[in-house]
Amino acid sequence: MIQISEAEAVVMDVLWGQAPRSAEEVVAALAGRNWAEATIKTLLNRLLTKGAISAERDGRRYLYHPLLQRQAWVAEQSQDFLGRVFEGRVAPLVAHFSQHGQLSAQDIAELKALIQALAEPGEGP
């Protein structure tokens, strides 16, 4: 799996949201972060080097496309986090959030529905 930093993930979010995008469009999308244009272009170049994105020439500019799929990245990050922090188990993660009051009523209802669907033979989420 391609390892990307938190800052690179922010740039990937822009491209996952809409692609292709030019460097200028990515810079504009990240204007609220107060990052220098050079910083964003450096992040784009790092992502290119890592193979997370591709670039195709469009006149005098390049258009960037994500190669790394968001779903695959989220799955990898989730597994890594669970492994490092909760020994690969989901129940202690949910218990942690429950004990710290971070589960809303909607979260609890969704978890109950998921558990019910998993418990019923032949059915899944």
Protein backbone atom coordinates (compact mmCIF):
# COMPACT_ATOMS: atom_id res chain seq x y z
CA MET A 1 0.00 0.00 0.00
CA ILE A 2 1.15 3.51 -0.73
CA GLN A 3 2.00 5.42 2.45
CA ILE A 4 0.87 9.04 2.41
CA SER A 5 1.28 11.71 5.06
CA GLU A 6 -1.54 13.67 6.67
CA ALA A 7 -0.77 16.69 4.47
CA GLU A 8 -0.71 14.51 1.36
CA ALA A 9 -4.07 13.03 2.41
CA VAL A 10 -5.55 16.54 2.41
CA VAL A 11 -4.44 16.98 -1.21
CA MET A 12 -5.78 13.52 -2.05
CA ASP A 13 -9.16 14.50 -0.57
CA VAL A 14 -9.34 17.35 -3.08
CA LEU A 15 -8.61 14.97 -5.95
CA TRP A 16 -10.93 12.27 -4.61
CA GLY A 17 -13.67 14.90 -4.51
CA GLN A 18 -13.20 15.92 -8.12
CA ALA A 19 -10.66 14.98 -10.75
CA PRO A 20 -8.96 15.82 -12.92
CA ARG A 21 -7.72 19.06 -11.41
CA SER A 22 -4.85 21.34 -12.26
CA ALA A 23 -2.33 22.45 -9.63
CA GLU A 24 -4.01 25.86 -9.61
CA GLU A 25 -7.39 24.27 -8.92
CA VAL A 26 -5.93 22.24 -6.07
CA VAL A 27 -4.31 25.39 -4.65
CA ALA A 28 -7.67 27.21 -4.88
CA ALA A 29 -9.49 24.32 -3.19
CA LEU A 30 -7.02 24.47 -0.30
CA ALA A 31 -7.03 28.26 0.08
CA GLY A 32 -8.57 28.03 3.57
CA ARG A 33 -5.55 26.11 4.86
CA ASN A 34 -3.14 29.01 4.39
CA TRP A 35 -0.61 26.75 2.70
CA ALA A 36 1.81 28.32 0.25
CA GLU A 37 1.33 27.42 -3.39
CA ALA A 38 4.84 25.94 -3.43
CA THR A 39 3.90 23.64 -0.51
CA ILE A 40 0.88 22.29 -2.35
CA LYS A 41 2.90 21.75 -5.53
CA THR A 42 5.54 19.92 -3.49
CA LEU A 43 2.82 17.67 -2.06
CA LEU A 44 1.52 16.99 -5.58
CA ASN A 45 5.04 16.05 -6.70
CA ARG A 46 5.48 13.72 -3.71
CA LEU A 47 2.18 12.02 -4.51
CA LEU A 48 3.29 11.64 -8.15
CA THR A 49 6.59 10.10 -7.05
CA LYS A 50 4.77 7.67 -4.76
CA GLY A 51 2.37 6.64 -7.54
CA ALA A 52 -0.70 7.86 -5.65
CA ILE A 53 -1.66 10.23 -8.47
CA SER A 54 -0.97 10.63 -12.17
CA ALA A 55 -0.53 13.74 -14.26
CA GLU A 56 -1.37 14.30 -17.89
CA ARG A 57 -0.34 17.30 -19.90
CA ASP A 58 -3.14 19.65 -20.91
CA GLY A 59 -1.60 22.48 -22.89
CA ARG A 60 0.75 24.36 -20.58
CA ARG A 61 -0.51 22.70 -17.41
CA TYR A 62 -0.90 19.26 -15.91
CA LEU A 63 -4.13 17.67 -14.80
CA TYR A 64 -3.90 15.39 -11.76
CA HIS A 65 -5.90 12.19 -11.22
CA PRO A 66 -5.92 9.94 -8.14
CA LEU A 67 -4.59 6.44 -8.73
CA LEU A 68 -4.88 5.44 -5.08
CA GLN A 69 -8.55 4.76 -4.40
CA ARG A 70 -10.01 6.39 -1.30
CA GLN A 71 -11.76 3.21 -0.18
CA ALA A 72 -8.52 1.20 -0.35
CA TRP A 73 -6.63 3.90 1.57
CA VAL A 74 -9.32 4.14 4.27
CA ALA A 75 -9.34 0.36 4.67
CA GLU A 76 -5.55 0.28 5.06
CA GLN A 77 -5.52 3.19 7.51
CA SER A 78 -8.33 1.64 9.56
CA GLN A 79 -6.58 -1.72 9.81
CA ASP A 80 -3.31 -0.04 10.74
CA PHE A 81 -4.98 2.04 13.46
CA LEU A 82 -6.88 -0.92 14.92
CA GLY A 83 -3.74 -3.00 14.93
CA ARG A 84 -1.57 -0.37 16.61
CA VAL A 85 -4.06 0.93 19.17
CA PHE A 86 -6.63 -1.82 19.81
CA GLU A 87 -4.76 -5.03 18.98
CA GLY A 88 -6.79 -5.40 15.79
CA ARG A 89 -10.15 -5.55 17.59
CA VAL A 90 -13.17 -3.36 16.90
CA ALA A 91 -15.03 -3.92 20.20
CA PRO A 92 -12.41 -2.11 22.35
CA LEU A 93 -12.52 0.80 19.89
CA VAL A 94 -16.28 1.14 20.26
CA ALA A 95 -16.00 0.71 24.03
CA HIS A 96 -13.41 3.50 24.16
CA PHE A 97 -15.68 5.93 22.33
CA SER A 98 -18.63 4.85 24.45
CA GLN A 99 -16.75 5.39 27.71
CA HIS A 100 -15.72 8.88 26.62
CA GLY A 101 -19.21 9.97 25.58
CA GLN A 102 -18.31 10.23 21.93
CA LEU A 103 -21.13 8.10 20.54
CA SER A 104 -24.25 9.98 19.55
CA ALA A 105 -27.71 8.45 19.65
CA GLN A 106 -27.50 8.15 15.86
CA ASP A 107 -24.13 6.35 16.13
CA ILE A 108 -25.64 3.88 18.62
CA ALA A 109 -28.68 3.26 16.41
CA GLU A 110 -26.43 2.65 13.39
CA LEU A 111 -24.22 0.26 15.37
CA LYS A 112 -27.28 -1.66 16.59
CA ALA A 113 -28.59 -1.97 13.03
CA LEU A 114 -25.18 -3.14 11.81
CA ILE A 115 -24.90 -5.74 14.56
CA GLN A 116 -28.44 -6.96 13.86
CA ALA A 117 -27.68 -7.30 10.16
CA LEU A 118 -24.47 -9.19 10.90
CA ALA A 119 -26.27 -11.51 13.33
CA GLU A 120 -28.92 -12.56 10.83
CA PRO A 121 -27.84 -15.58 8.74
CA GLY A 122 -27.27 -14.83 5.07
CA GLU A 123 -27.52 -11.10 5.54
CA GLY A 124 -24.86 -8.44 5.82
CA PRO A 125 -24.51 -4.69 5.93
